């Protein structure tokens, strides 16, 4: 196979992997937000993860 045809396929694969990770992060956040308040407080949600979530706010 021509190496020039592999580069776009690799880029599409990286994009798909990034999209999959983003969807998984959003799904995890929804699940954690659905927990009762006392459980969220016990595990430190969302205080511990505010810096990780700050990148999401910059996209708005």
N, C-alpha and C. Protein backbone atom coordinates (compact mmCIF):
# COMPACT_ATOMS: atom_id res chain seq x y z
N UNK A 1 0.84 -1.18 0.00
CA UNK A 1 0.00 0.00 0.00
C UNK A 1 0.89 1.24 0.00
N UNK A 2 0.46 2.23 -0.70
CA UNK A 2 1.20 3.48 -0.82
C UNK A 2 1.23 4.21 0.53
N UNK A 3 2.42 4.69 0.97
CA UNK A 3 2.49 5.36 2.27
C UNK A 3 1.66 6.64 2.33
N UNK A 4 1.39 7.25 1.19
CA UNK A 4 0.59 8.47 1.18
C UNK A 4 -0.88 8.19 1.47
N UNK A 5 -1.32 6.99 1.23
CA UNK A 5 -2.71 6.65 1.53
C UNK A 5 -2.88 6.25 2.99
N UNK A 6 -1.79 5.89 3.68
CA UNK A 6 -1.88 5.51 5.07
C UNK A 6 -1.99 6.71 6.00
N UNK A 7 -1.41 7.84 5.63
CA UNK A 7 -1.42 9.02 6.49
C UNK A 7 -2.84 9.52 6.76
N UNK A 8 -3.69 9.68 5.75
CA UNK A 8 -5.06 10.11 6.05
C UNK A 8 -5.83 9.09 6.89
N UNK A 9 -5.58 7.81 6.66
CA UNK A 9 -6.26 6.80 7.44
C UNK A 9 -5.82 6.85 8.90
N UNK A 10 -4.55 7.13 9.14
CA UNK A 10 -4.05 7.25 10.52
C UNK A 10 -4.66 8.47 11.19
N UNK A 11 -4.78 9.57 10.46
CA UNK A 11 -5.39 10.78 11.01
C UNK A 11 -6.85 10.54 11.37
N UNK A 12 -7.56 9.83 10.52
CA UNK A 12 -8.96 9.51 10.80
C UNK A 12 -9.05 8.60 12.03
N UNK A 13 -8.13 7.67 12.16
CA UNK A 13 -8.11 6.78 13.33
C UNK A 13 -7.85 7.56 14.61
N UNK A 14 -6.92 8.52 14.58
CA UNK A 14 -6.66 9.34 15.77
C UNK A 14 -7.87 10.19 16.11
N UNK A 15 -8.52 10.75 15.09
CA UNK A 15 -9.72 11.56 15.33
C UNK A 15 -10.81 10.71 15.97
N UNK A 16 -11.01 9.51 15.46
CA UNK A 16 -12.03 8.62 16.01
C UNK A 16 -11.70 8.25 17.45
N UNK A 17 -10.44 8.00 17.75
CA UNK A 17 -10.04 7.67 19.11
C UNK A 17 -10.28 8.85 20.06
N UNK A 18 -9.95 10.05 19.61
CA UNK A 18 -10.19 11.25 20.42
C UNK A 18 -11.68 11.47 20.66
N UNK A 19 -12.47 11.26 19.64
CA UNK A 19 -13.92 11.41 19.76
C UNK A 19 -14.49 10.38 20.73
N UNK A 20 -14.01 9.16 20.64
CA UNK A 20 -14.45 8.10 21.54
C UNK A 20 -14.10 8.44 22.98
N UNK A 21 -12.90 8.96 23.22
CA UNK A 21 -12.48 9.34 24.58
C UNK A 21 -13.32 10.49 25.10
N UNK A 22 -13.63 11.46 24.25
CA UNK A 22 -14.46 12.59 24.65
C UNK A 22 -15.86 12.12 25.05
N UNK A 23 -16.44 11.24 24.25
CA UNK A 23 -17.77 10.71 24.57
C UNK A 23 -17.76 9.93 25.88
N UNK A 24 -16.69 9.16 26.11
CA UNK A 24 -16.59 8.39 27.34
C UNK A 24 -16.45 9.33 28.55
N UNK A 25 -15.69 10.40 28.42
CA UNK A 25 -15.55 11.37 29.51
C UNK A 25 -16.88 12.04 29.82
N UNK A 26 -17.62 12.40 28.80
CA UNK A 26 -18.93 13.04 29.00
C UNK A 26 -19.89 12.07 29.68
N UNK A 27 -19.89 10.82 29.23
CA UNK A 27 -20.76 9.81 29.82
C UNK A 27 -20.40 9.58 31.29
N UNK A 28 -19.13 9.52 31.61
CA UNK A 28 -18.69 9.33 32.99
C UNK A 28 -19.12 10.50 33.86
N UNK A 29 -18.97 11.72 33.33
CA UNK A 29 -19.38 12.89 34.08
C UNK A 29 -20.88 12.88 34.35
N UNK A 30 -21.67 12.48 33.39
CA UNK A 30 -23.12 12.39 33.59
C UNK A 30 -23.47 11.37 34.67
N UNK A 31 -22.78 10.24 34.66
CA UNK A 31 -23.05 9.20 35.66
C UNK A 31 -22.69 9.73 37.05
N UNK A 32 -21.54 10.38 37.17
CA UNK A 32 -21.14 10.92 38.47
C UNK A 32 -22.09 12.01 38.94
N UNK A 33 -22.57 12.83 38.03
CA UNK A 33 -23.51 13.88 38.41
C UNK A 33 -24.86 13.32 38.82
N UNK A 34 -25.18 12.11 38.40
CA UNK A 34 -26.45 11.49 38.74
C UNK A 34 -26.43 10.83 40.13
N UNK A 35 -25.24 10.69 40.70
CA UNK A 35 -25.14 10.09 42.04
C UNK A 35 -25.73 11.02 43.08
N UNK A 36 -26.17 10.47 44.20
CA UNK A 36 -26.67 11.32 45.29
C UNK A 36 -25.58 12.27 45.78
N UNK A 37 -26.00 13.41 46.31
CA UNK A 37 -25.07 14.46 46.73
C UNK A 37 -24.08 13.97 47.78
N UNK A 38 -24.54 13.15 48.72
CA UNK A 38 -23.61 12.70 49.76
C UNK A 38 -22.53 11.77 49.21
N UNK A 39 -22.85 10.97 48.21
CA UNK A 39 -21.86 10.09 47.59
C UNK A 39 -20.86 10.93 46.79
N UNK A 40 -21.37 11.92 46.03
CA UNK A 40 -20.46 12.80 45.29
C UNK A 40 -19.51 13.52 46.22
N UNK A 41 -20.01 13.97 47.36
CA UNK A 41 -19.17 14.68 48.32
C UNK A 41 -18.10 13.73 48.87
N UNK A 42 -18.47 12.48 49.15
CA UNK A 42 -17.52 11.51 49.69
C UNK A 42 -16.37 11.22 48.72
N UNK A 43 -16.67 11.17 47.44
CA UNK A 43 -15.62 10.88 46.46
C UNK A 43 -14.93 12.14 45.96
N UNK A 44 -15.42 13.31 46.39
CA UNK A 44 -14.77 14.56 46.02
C UNK A 44 -15.18 15.09 44.66
N UNK A 45 -16.31 14.66 44.17
CA UNK A 45 -16.78 15.13 42.86
C UNK A 45 -17.58 16.39 43.05
N UNK A 46 -17.44 17.42 42.32
CA UNK A 46 -16.52 17.72 41.23
C UNK A 46 -15.31 18.52 41.66
N UNK A 47 -15.11 18.77 42.96
CA UNK A 47 -14.04 19.65 43.39
C UNK A 47 -12.66 19.21 42.91
N UNK A 48 -12.38 17.92 42.98
CA UNK A 48 -11.07 17.42 42.58
C UNK A 48 -10.86 17.57 41.07
N UNK A 49 -11.93 17.49 40.33
CA UNK A 49 -11.81 17.44 38.88
C UNK A 49 -12.07 18.77 38.18
N UNK A 50 -12.17 19.86 38.92
CA UNK A 50 -12.46 21.15 38.31
C UNK A 50 -11.38 21.55 37.31
N UNK A 51 -10.11 21.30 37.63
CA UNK A 51 -9.05 21.68 36.70
C UNK A 51 -9.10 20.85 35.43
N UNK A 52 -9.51 19.58 35.53
CA UNK A 52 -9.63 18.75 34.34
C UNK A 52 -10.81 19.20 33.47
N UNK A 53 -11.86 19.71 34.10
CA UNK A 53 -13.03 20.12 33.35
C UNK A 53 -12.90 21.52 32.79
N UNK A 54 -11.88 22.27 33.23
CA UNK A 54 -11.76 23.65 32.79
C UNK A 54 -11.53 23.75 31.28
N UNK A 55 -10.90 22.75 30.66
CA UNK A 55 -10.68 22.79 29.23
C UNK A 55 -12.01 22.77 28.48
N UNK A 56 -13.00 22.11 29.06
CA UNK A 56 -14.30 22.02 28.40
C UNK A 56 -14.97 23.39 28.34
N UNK A 57 -14.83 24.15 29.41
CA UNK A 57 -15.43 25.48 29.44
C UNK A 57 -14.77 26.42 28.44
N UNK A 58 -13.48 26.20 28.17
CA UNK A 58 -12.79 27.07 27.21
C UNK A 58 -13.29 26.84 25.79
N UNK A 59 -13.91 25.71 25.53
CA UNK A 59 -14.43 25.44 24.19
C UNK A 59 -15.70 26.23 23.90
N UNK A 60 -16.40 26.67 24.94
CA UNK A 60 -17.66 27.42 24.75
C UNK A 60 -17.40 28.80 24.23
